[in-house]
Amino acid sequence: VPDSETSMHLSLQRGRFLEAYRNRFGIRDVRDVRFRAGRGAF
């Protein structure tokens, strides 16, 4: 993610992301989601 504020905001929504992986796509390998500021495309 681009910055720490976005990281903190999305961290509060981990539950819905995990639920989407499990319920929409049947993926149970994802047990947690962590957001890292200033990386990736950045």
All heavy atoms as atom14 arrays in JSON, in Angstrom:
{
  "sequence": "VPDSETSMHLSLQRGRFLEAYRNRFGIRDVRDVRFRAGRGAF",
  "atom14_mask": [
    [1, 1, 1, 1, 1, 1, 1, 0, 0, 0, 0, 0, 0, 0],
    [1, 1, 1, 1, 1, 1, 1, 0, 0, 0, 0, 0, 0, 0],
    [1, 1, 1, 1, 1, 1, 1, 1, 0, 0, 0, 0, 0, 0],
    [1, 1, 1, 1, 1, 1, 0, 0, 0, 0, 0, 0, 0, 0],
    [1, 1, 1, 1, 1, 1, 1, 1, 1, 0, 0, 0, 0, 0],
    [1, 1, 1, 1, 1, 1, 1, 0, 0, 0, 0, 0, 0, 0],
    [1, 1, 1, 1, 1, 1, 0, 0, 0, 0, 0, 0, 0, 0],
    [1, 1, 1, 1, 1, 1, 1, 1, 0, 0, 0, 0, 0, 0],
    [1, 1, 1, 1, 1, 1, 1, 1, 1, 1, 0, 0, 0, 0],
    [1, 1, 1, 1, 1, 1, 1, 1, 0, 0, 0, 0, 0, 0],
    [1, 1, 1, 1, 1, 1, 0, 0, 0, 0, 0, 0, 0, 0],
    [1, 1, 1, 1, 1, 1, 1, 1, 0, 0, 0, 0, 0, 0],
    [1, 1, 1, 1, 1, 1, 1, 1, 1, 0, 0, 0, 0, 0],
    [1, 1, 1, 1, 1, 1, 1, 1, 1, 1, 1, 0, 0, 0],
    [1, 1, 1, 1, 0, 0, 0, 0, 0, 0, 0, 0, 0, 0],
    [1, 1, 1, 1, 1, 1, 1, 1, 1, 1, 1, 0, 0, 0],
    [1, 1, 1, 1, 1, 1, 1, 1, 1, 1, 1, 0, 0, 0],
    [1, 1, 1, 1, 1, 1, 1, 1, 0, 0, 0, 0, 0, 0],
    [1, 1, 1, 1, 1, 1, 1, 1, 1, 0, 0, 0, 0, 0],
    [1, 1, 1, 1, 1, 0, 0, 0, 0, 0, 0, 0, 0, 0],
    [1, 1, 1, 1, 1, 1, 1, 1, 1, 1, 1, 1, 0, 0],
    [1, 1, 1, 1, 1, 1, 1, 1, 1, 1, 1, 0, 0, 0],
    [1, 1, 1, 1, 1, 1, 1, 1, 0, 0, 0, 0, 0, 0],
    [1, 1, 1, 1, 1, 1, 1, 1, 1, 1, 1, 0, 0, 0],
    [1, 1, 1, 1, 1, 1, 1, 1, 1, 1, 1, 0, 0, 0],
    [1, 1, 1, 1, 0, 0, 0, 0, 0, 0, 0, 0, 0, 0],
    [1, 1, 1, 1, 1, 1, 1, 1, 0, 0, 0, 0, 0, 0],
    [1, 1, 1, 1, 1, 1, 1, 1, 1, 1, 1, 0, 0, 0],
    [1, 1, 1, 1, 1, 1, 1, 1, 0, 0, 0, 0, 0, 0],
    [1, 1, 1, 1, 1, 1, 1, 0, 0, 0, 0, 0, 0, 0],
    [1, 1, 1, 1, 1, 1, 1, 1, 1, 1, 1, 0, 0, 0],
    [1, 1, 1, 1, 1, 1, 1, 1, 0, 0, 0, 0, 0, 0],
    [1, 1, 1, 1, 1, 1, 1, 0, 0, 0, 0, 0, 0, 0],
    [1, 1, 1, 1, 1, 1, 1, 1, 1, 1, 1, 0, 0, 0],
    [1, 1, 1, 1, 1, 1, 1, 1, 1, 1, 1, 0, 0, 0],
    [1, 1, 1, 1, 1, 1, 1, 1, 1, 1, 1, 0, 0, 0],
    [1, 1, 1, 1, 1, 0, 0, 0, 0, 0, 0, 0, 0, 0],
    [1, 1, 1, 1, 0, 0, 0, 0, 0, 0, 0, 0, 0, 0],
    [1, 1, 1, 1, 1, 1, 1, 1, 1, 1, 1, 0, 0, 0],
    [1, 1, 1, 1, 0, 0, 0, 0, 0, 0, 0, 0, 0, 0],
    [1, 1, 1, 1, 1, 0, 0, 0, 0, 0, 0, 0, 0, 0],
    [1, 1, 1, 1, 1, 1, 1, 1, 1, 1, 1, 0, 0, 0]
  ],
  "atom14_positions": [
    [[0.85, -1.19, 0.0], [0.0, 0.0, 0.0], [0.89, 1.24, 0.0], [2.08, 1.16, 0.35], [-0.94, 0.02, 1.22], [-1.89, -1.18, 1.19], [-0.15, 0.01, 2.52], [0.0, 0.0, 0.0], [0.0, 0.0, 0.0], [0.0, 0.0, 0.0], [0.0, 0.0, 0.0], [0.0, 0.0, 0.0], [0.0, 0.0, 0.0], [0.0, 0.0, 0.0]],
    [[0.37, 2.4, -0.39], [1.23, 3.57, -0.56], [1.73, 4.22, 0.72], [2.78, 4.87, 0.71], [0.36, 4.54, -1.37], [-1.05, 4.11, -1.09], [-0.99, 2.63, -0.9], [0.0, 0.0, 0.0], [0.0, 0.0, 0.0], [0.0, 0.0, 0.0], [0.0, 0.0, 0.0], [0.0, 0.0, 0.0], [0.0, 0.0, 0.0], [0.0, 0.0, 0.0]],
    [[0.98, 4.09, 1.85], [1.41, 4.82, 3.05], [0.88, 4.12, 4.3], [0.04, 3.22, 4.24], [0.91, 6.27, 3.01], [-0.58, 6.37, 2.75], [-1.37, 5.82, 3.55], [-0.97, 6.96, 1.73], [0.0, 0.0, 0.0], [0.0, 0.0, 0.0], [0.0, 0.0, 0.0], [0.0, 0.0, 0.0], [0.0, 0.0, 0.0], [0.0, 0.0, 0.0]],
    [[1.39, 4.54, 5.46], [1.05, 3.88, 6.72], [-0.41, 4.12, 7.11], [-1.04, 3.28, 7.77], [1.97, 4.38, 7.84], [1.9, 5.79, 7.97], [0.0, 0.0, 0.0], [0.0, 0.0, 0.0], [0.0, 0.0, 0.0], [0.0, 0.0, 0.0], [0.0, 0.0, 0.0], [0.0, 0.0, 0.0], [0.0, 0.0, 0.0], [0.0, 0.0, 0.0]],
    [[-0.97, 5.25, 6.74], [-2.37, 5.52, 7.06], [-3.28, 4.53, 6.36], [-4.23, 3.99, 6.95], [-2.74, 6.95, 6.66], [-4.17, 7.33, 7.06], [-4.5, 8.77, 6.71], [-3.57, 9.52, 6.35], [-5.68, 9.13, 6.81], [0.0, 0.0, 0.0], [0.0, 0.0, 0.0], [0.0, 0.0, 0.0], [0.0, 0.0, 0.0], [0.0, 0.0, 0.0]],
    [[-3.0, 4.26, 5.08], [-3.78, 3.27, 4.34], [-3.59, 1.89, 4.95], [-4.54, 1.1, 5.07], [-3.34, 3.24, 2.87], [-3.51, 4.54, 2.3], [-4.15, 2.23, 2.07], [0.0, 0.0, 0.0], [0.0, 0.0, 0.0], [0.0, 0.0, 0.0], [0.0, 0.0, 0.0], [0.0, 0.0, 0.0], [0.0, 0.0, 0.0], [0.0, 0.0, 0.0]],
    [[-2.35, 1.57, 5.34], [-2.07, 0.28, 5.96], [-2.92, 0.09, 7.22], [-3.53, -0.96, 7.42], [-0.58, 0.19, 6.31], [-0.32, -0.98, 7.05], [0.0, 0.0, 0.0], [0.0, 0.0, 0.0], [0.0, 0.0, 0.0], [0.0, 0.0, 0.0], [0.0, 0.0, 0.0], [0.0, 0.0, 0.0], [0.0, 0.0, 0.0], [0.0, 0.0, 0.0]],
    [[-2.97, 1.1, 8.07], [-3.73, 1.01, 9.31], [-5.22, 0.87, 9.02], [-5.92, 0.07, 9.64], [-3.47, 2.24, 10.18], [-4.18, 2.19, 11.53], [-3.71, 3.57, 12.6], [-4.34, 4.96, 11.63], [0.0, 0.0, 0.0], [0.0, 0.0, 0.0], [0.0, 0.0, 0.0], [0.0, 0.0, 0.0], [0.0, 0.0, 0.0], [0.0, 0.0, 0.0]],
    [[-5.7, 1.64, 8.05], [-7.13, 1.61, 7.72], [-7.53, 0.23, 7.19], [-8.56, -0.34, 7.6], [-7.43, 2.68, 6.67], [-8.84, 2.65, 6.17], [-9.92, 3.01, 6.94], [-9.35, 2.27, 4.96], [-11.03, 2.87, 6.24], [-10.71, 2.42, 5.03], [0.0, 0.0, 0.0], [0.0, 0.0, 0.0], [0.0, 0.0, 0.0], [0.0, 0.0, 0.0]],
    [[-6.73, -0.34, 6.29], [-7.08, -1.64, 5.7], [-6.88, -2.78, 6.69], [-7.57, -3.81, 6.6], [-6.25, -1.88, 4.44], [-6.55, -0.94, 3.26], [-5.69, -1.29, 2.07], [-8.03, -0.98, 2.89], [0.0, 0.0, 0.0], [0.0, 0.0, 0.0], [0.0, 0.0, 0.0], [0.0, 0.0, 0.0], [0.0, 0.0, 0.0], [0.0, 0.0, 0.0]],
    [[-5.97, -2.61, 7.64], [-5.76, -3.65, 8.64], [-7.02, -3.89, 9.46], [-7.28, -5.01, 9.93], [-4.61, -3.27, 9.57], [-3.38, -3.26, 8.87], [0.0, 0.0, 0.0], [0.0, 0.0, 0.0], [0.0, 0.0, 0.0], [0.0, 0.0, 0.0], [0.0, 0.0, 0.0], [0.0, 0.0, 0.0], [0.0, 0.0, 0.0], [0.0, 0.0, 0.0]],
    [[-7.82, -2.84, 9.63], [-9.07, -2.98, 10.38], [-10.12, -3.77, 9.6], [-11.14, -4.18, 10.17], [-9.61, -1.6, 10.74], [-8.71, -0.73, 11.63], [-9.33, 0.66, 11.81], [-8.49, -1.4, 12.98], [0.0, 0.0, 0.0], [0.0, 0.0, 0.0], [0.0, 0.0, 0.0], [0.0, 0.0, 0.0], [0.0, 0.0, 0.0], [0.0, 0.0, 0.0]],
    [[-9.85, -3.98, 8.3], [-10.82, -4.7, 7.45], [-10.35, -6.1, 7.09], [-10.89, -6.73, 6.18], [-11.06, -3.89, 6.17], [-11.55, -2.47, 6.42], [-11.78, -1.73, 5.12], [-12.5, -2.2, 4.24], [-11.14, -0.57, 4.97], [0.0, 0.0, 0.0], [0.0, 0.0, 0.0], [0.0, 0.0, 0.0], [0.0, 0.0, 0.0], [0.0, 0.0, 0.0]],
    [[-9.35, -6.61, 7.8], [-8.81, -7.94, 7.49], [-9.91, -8.99, 7.39], [-9.9, -9.86, 6.51], [-7.84, -8.37, 8.59], [-6.45, -7.8, 8.51], [-5.54, -8.59, 9.45], [-4.24, -7.99, 9.55], [-3.86, -7.18, 10.53], [-4.72, -6.87, 11.48], [-2.64, -6.7, 10.56], [0.0, 0.0, 0.0], [0.0, 0.0, 0.0], [0.0, 0.0, 0.0]],
    [[-10.86, -8.9, 8.34], [-11.9, -9.92, 8.41], [-12.67, -10.07, 7.12], [-12.92, -11.19, 6.66], [0.0, 0.0, 0.0], [0.0, 0.0, 0.0], [0.0, 0.0, 0.0], [0.0, 0.0, 0.0], [0.0, 0.0, 0.0], [0.0, 0.0, 0.0], [0.0, 0.0, 0.0], [0.0, 0.0, 0.0], [0.0, 0.0, 0.0], [0.0, 0.0, 0.0]],
    [[-13.03, -8.96, 6.51], [-13.84, -9.07, 5.28], [-13.02, -9.61, 4.11], [-13.54, -10.3, 3.24], [-14.5, -7.74, 4.93], [-13.63, -6.68, 4.28], [-14.49, -5.46, 3.92], [-13.73, -4.38, 3.31], [-13.56, -4.26, 2.01], [-14.06, -5.17, 1.19], [-12.87, -3.24, 1.51], [0.0, 0.0, 0.0], [0.0, 0.0, 0.0], [0.0, 0.0, 0.0]],
    [[-11.71, -9.31, 4.09], [-10.86, -9.84, 3.03], [-10.71, -11.36, 3.18], [-10.81, -12.11, 2.19], [-9.48, -9.17, 3.05], [-9.51, -7.69, 2.83], [-8.78, -6.83, 3.65], [-10.27, -7.13, 1.82], [-8.81, -5.46, 3.46], [-10.32, -5.75, 1.62], [-9.58, -4.91, 2.44], [0.0, 0.0, 0.0], [0.0, 0.0, 0.0], [0.0, 0.0, 0.0]],
    [[-10.48, -11.81, 4.41], [-10.35, -13.25, 4.65], [-11.65, -13.98, 4.32], [-11.65, -15.07, 3.75], [-9.95, -13.5, 6.11], [-8.56, -13.0, 6.51], [-8.34, -13.19, 8.01], [-7.47, -13.71, 5.72], [0.0, 0.0, 0.0], [0.0, 0.0, 0.0], [0.0, 0.0, 0.0], [0.0, 0.0, 0.0], [0.0, 0.0, 0.0], [0.0, 0.0, 0.0]],
    [[-12.77, -13.35, 4.68], [-14.08, -13.94, 4.39], [-14.29, -14.06, 2.88], [-14.83, -15.06, 2.39], [-15.19, -13.09, 5.01], [-16.58, -13.69, 4.81], [-17.67, -12.83, 5.44], [-17.33, -11.77, 6.0], [-18.83, -13.24, 5.37], [0.0, 0.0, 0.0], [0.0, 0.0, 0.0], [0.0, 0.0, 0.0], [0.0, 0.0, 0.0], [0.0, 0.0, 0.0]],
    [[-13.85, -13.05, 2.12], [-13.99, -13.1, 0.67], [-13.17, -14.24, 0.08], [-13.64, -14.97, -0.81], [-13.55, -11.77, 0.06], [0.0, 0.0, 0.0], [0.0, 0.0, 0.0], [0.0, 0.0, 0.0], [0.0, 0.0, 0.0], [0.0, 0.0, 0.0], [0.0, 0.0, 0.0], [0.0, 0.0, 0.0], [0.0, 0.0, 0.0], [0.0, 0.0, 0.0]],
    [[-11.94, -14.41, 0.56], [-11.12, -15.52, 0.07], [-11.8, -16.85, 0.34], [-11.84, -17.73, -0.54], [-9.73, -15.5, 0.73], [-8.72, -14.63, 0.0], [-8.22, -13.47, 0.57], [-8.27, -14.99, -1.28], [-7.3, -12.67, -0.1], [-7.36, -14.21, -1.96], [-6.87, -13.05, -1.36], [-5.97, -12.28, -2.04], [0.0, 0.0, 0.0], [0.0, 0.0, 0.0]],
    [[-12.33, -17.01, 1.55], [-12.92, -18.3, 1.91], [-14.27, -18.53, 1.24], [-14.51, -19.6, 0.67], [-13.07, -18.39, 3.44], [-11.76, -18.67, 4.17], [-12.01, -19.03, 5.62], [-12.41, -17.85, 6.39], [-11.57, -17.12, 7.12], [-10.29, -17.42, 7.14], [-12.0, -16.08, 7.79], [0.0, 0.0, 0.0], [0.0, 0.0, 0.0], [0.0, 0.0, 0.0]],
    [[-15.14, -17.55, 1.33], [-16.51, -17.76, 0.88], [-16.71, -17.57, -0.61], [-17.51, -18.27, -1.24], [-17.47, -16.84, 1.65], [-17.49, -17.17, 3.13], [-17.11, -18.26, 3.54], [-17.93, -16.23, 3.96], [0.0, 0.0, 0.0], [0.0, 0.0, 0.0], [0.0, 0.0, 0.0], [0.0, 0.0, 0.0], [0.0, 0.0, 0.0], [0.0, 0.0, 0.0]],
    [[-16.03, -16.58, -1.21], [-16.2, -16.34, -2.65], [-15.36, -17.26, -3.51], [-15.78, -17.71, -4.58], [-15.87, -14.89, -2.99], [-16.9, -13.87, -2.54], [-16.47, -12.46, -2.91], [-16.24, -12.32, -4.33], [-15.58, -11.29, -4.88], [-15.07, -10.34, -4.11], [-15.4, -11.22, -6.18], [0.0, 0.0, 0.0], [0.0, 0.0, 0.0], [0.0, 0.0, 0.0]],
    [[-14.13, -17.55, -3.03], [-13.2, -18.29, -3.88], [-12.78, -19.63, -3.29], [-12.03, -20.38, -3.92], [-11.95, -17.43, -4.15], [-12.27, -16.12, -4.8], [-12.16, -14.93, -4.1], [-12.71, -16.07, -6.11], [-12.46, -13.72, -4.7], [-13.02, -14.88, -6.72], [-12.9, -13.69, -6.01], [0.0, 0.0, 0.0], [0.0, 0.0, 0.0], [0.0, 0.0, 0.0]],
    [[-13.25, -19.97, -2.09], [-12.92, -21.26, -1.51], [-11.46, -21.45, -1.16], [-10.96, -22.57, -1.12], [0.0, 0.0, 0.0], [0.0, 0.0, 0.0], [0.0, 0.0, 0.0], [0.0, 0.0, 0.0], [0.0, 0.0, 0.0], [0.0, 0.0, 0.0], [0.0, 0.0, 0.0], [0.0, 0.0, 0.0], [0.0, 0.0, 0.0], [0.0, 0.0, 0.0]],
    [[-10.75, -20.35, -0.89], [-9.32, -20.4, -0.57], [-9.14, -20.28, 0.94], [-9.51, -19.27, 1.54], [-8.56, -19.26, -1.28], [-8.66, -19.45, -2.79], [-7.11, -19.2, -0.83], [-8.03, -18.34, -3.59], [0.0, 0.0, 0.0], [0.0, 0.0, 0.0], [0.0, 0.0, 0.0], [0.0, 0.0, 0.0], [0.0, 0.0, 0.0], [0.0, 0.0, 0.0]],
    [[-8.56, -21.31, 1.53], [-8.35, -21.32, 2.98], [-6.87, -21.21, 3.35], [-6.53, -21.24, 4.53], [-8.96, -22.58, 3.59], [-10.46, -22.66, 3.34], [-11.12, -23.79, 4.1], [-12.56, -23.78, 3.88], [-13.41, -23.02, 4.56], [-12.96, -22.21, 5.5], [-14.71, -23.04, 4.31], [0.0, 0.0, 0.0], [0.0, 0.0, 0.0], [0.0, 0.0, 0.0]],
    [[-6.02, -21.11, 2.33], [-4.58, -20.97, 2.61], [-4.25, -19.6, 3.19], [-3.21, -19.43, 3.83], [-3.77, -21.18, 1.33], [-3.83, -22.62, 0.84], [-4.1, -23.5, 1.66], [-3.62, -22.85, -0.36], [0.0, 0.0, 0.0], [0.0, 0.0, 0.0], [0.0, 0.0, 0.0], [0.0, 0.0, 0.0], [0.0, 0.0, 0.0], [0.0, 0.0, 0.0]],
    [[-5.1, -18.6, 2.95], [-4.85, -17.25, 3.46], [-5.42, -17.15, 4.87], [-6.64, -17.12, 5.05], [-5.47, -16.18, 2.55], [-5.15, -14.78, 3.08], [-4.96, -16.32, 1.12], [0.0, 0.0, 0.0], [0.0, 0.0, 0.0], [0.0, 0.0, 0.0], [0.0, 0.0, 0.0], [0.0, 0.0, 0.0], [0.0, 0.0, 0.0], [0.0, 0.0, 0.0]],
    [[-4.54, -17.09, 5.87], [-4.99, -17.02, 7.26], [-4.92, -15.6, 7.81], [-5.53, -15.29, 8.83], [-4.14, -17.94, 8.13], [-4.22, -19.42, 7.74], [-3.61, -20.3, 8.82], [-2.24, -19.91, 9.13], [-1.16, -20.38, 8.5], [-1.31, -21.25, 7.52], [0.05, -19.99, 8.84], [0.0, 0.0, 0.0], [0.0, 0.0, 0.0], [0.0, 0.0, 0.0]],
    [[-4.16, -14.73, 7.14], [-4.05, -13.35, 7.6], [-3.62, -12.48, 6.42], [-3.07, -12.98, 5.44], [-3.02, -13.24, 8.73], [-3.11, -11.91, 9.49], [-4.07, -11.16, 9.24], [-2.22, -11.64, 10.31], [0.0, 0.0, 0.0], [0.0, 0.0, 0.0], [0.0, 0.0, 0.0], [0.0, 0.0, 0.0], [0.0, 0.0, 0.0], [0.0, 0.0, 0.0]],
    [[-3.89, -11.18, 6.53], [-3.47, -10.23, 5.52], [-2.7, -9.11, 6.21], [-3.18, -8.56, 7.21], [-4.67, -9.61, 4.76], [-4.18, -8.68, 3.66], [-5.55, -10.72, 4.17], [0.0, 0.0, 0.0], [0.0, 0.0, 0.0], [0.0, 0.0, 0.0], [0.0, 0.0, 0.0], [0.0, 0.0, 0.0], [0.0, 0.0, 0.0], [0.0, 0.0, 0.0]],
    [[-1.52, -8.81, 5.72], [-0.72, -7.75, 6.3], [-0.38, -6.73, 5.21], [-0.01, -7.09, 4.09], [0.57, -8.3, 6.92], [0.29, -9.21, 8.11], [1.56, -9.68, 8.77], [1.26, -10.65, 9.82], [2.18, -11.32, 10.5], [3.48, -11.11, 10.25], [1.84, -12.19, 11.43], [0.0, 0.0, 0.0], [0.0, 0.0, 0.0], [0.0, 0.0, 0.0]],
    [[-0.52, -5.47, 5.58], [-0.34, -4.38, 4.62], [0.98, -3.68, 4.91], [1.27, -3.31, 6.04], [-1.52, -3.41, 4.71], [-2.83, -4.08, 4.42], [-3.61, -4.61, 5.45], [-3.27, -4.22, 3.11], [-4.81, -5.25, 5.18], [-4.47, -4.86, 2.84], [-5.25, -5.37, 3.87], [0.0, 0.0, 0.0], [0.0, 0.0, 0.0], [0.0, 0.0, 0.0]],
    [[1.78, -3.51, 3.85], [3.11, -2.93, 3.99], [3.18, -1.63, 3.21], [2.89, -1.59, 2.0], [4.17, -3.91, 3.51], [4.08, -5.27, 4.21], [5.16, -6.21, 3.76], [5.1, -6.46, 2.32], [5.94, -7.27, 1.68], [6.89, -7.89, 2.36], [5.83, -7.46, 0.39], [0.0, 0.0, 0.0], [0.0, 0.0, 0.0], [0.0, 0.0, 0.0]],
    [[3.52, -0.57, 3.89], [3.53, 0.76, 3.28], [4.77, 0.99, 2.42], [5.87, 0.56, 2.78], [3.47, 1.83, 4.37], [0.0, 0.0, 0.0], [0.0, 0.0, 0.0], [0.0, 0.0, 0.0], [0.0, 0.0, 0.0], [0.0, 0.0, 0.0], [0.0, 0.0, 0.0], [0.0, 0.0, 0.0], [0.0, 0.0, 0.0], [0.0, 0.0, 0.0]],
    [[4.57, 1.65, 1.27], [5.67, 2.11, 0.44], [6.39, 1.06, -0.33], [7.58, 1.19, -0.62], [0.0, 0.0, 0.0], [0.0, 0.0, 0.0], [0.0, 0.0, 0.0], [0.0, 0.0, 0.0], [0.0, 0.0, 0.0], [0.0, 0.0, 0.0], [0.0, 0.0, 0.0], [0.0, 0.0, 0.0], [0.0, 0.0, 0.0], [0.0, 0.0, 0.0]],
    [[5.67, -0.08, -0.71], [6.35, -1.14, -1.42], [5.58, -1.55, -2.66], [4.61, -0.96, -3.04], [6.55, -2.35, -0.5], [7.31, -2.0, 0.76], [7.95, -3.2, 1.36], [8.69, -3.95, 0.35], [9.33, -5.09, 0.62], [9.32, -5.58, 1.83], [9.99, -5.73, -0.33], [0.0, 0.0, 0.0], [0.0, 0.0, 0.0], [0.0, 0.0, 0.0]],
    [[6.08, -2.65, -3.32], [5.38, -3.24, -4.46], [5.45, -2.37, -5.67], [6.5, -2.06, -6.18], [0.0, 0.0, 0.0], [0.0, 0.0, 0.0], [0.0, 0.0, 0.0], [0.0, 0.0, 0.0], [0.0, 0.0, 0.0], [0.0, 0.0, 0.0], [0.0, 0.0, 0.0], [0.0, 0.0, 0.0], [0.0, 0.0, 0.0], [0.0, 0.0, 0.0]],
    [[4.26, -1.92, -6.16], [4.23, -1.05, -7.33], [4.97, 0.21, -6.99], [5.32, 1.0, -7.84], [2.79, -0.74, -7.7], [0.0, 0.0, 0.0], [0.0, 0.0, 0.0], [0.0, 0.0, 0.0], [0.0, 0.0, 0.0], [0.0, 0.0, 0.0], [0.0, 0.0, 0.0], [0.0, 0.0, 0.0], [0.0, 0.0, 0.0], [0.0, 0.0, 0.0]],
    [[5.19, 0.39, -5.67], [5.85, 1.59, -5.16], [7.32, 1.29, -4.87], [8.01, 2.08, -4.25], [5.13, 2.03, -3.89], [3.65, 1.74, -3.97], [3.11, 0.64, -3.31], [2.81, 2.53, -4.71], [1.76, 0.35, -3.4], [1.46, 2.24, -4.8], [0.93, 1.15, -4.14], [0.0, 0.0, 0.0], [0.0, 0.0, 0.0], [0.0, 0.0, 0.0]]
  ]
}
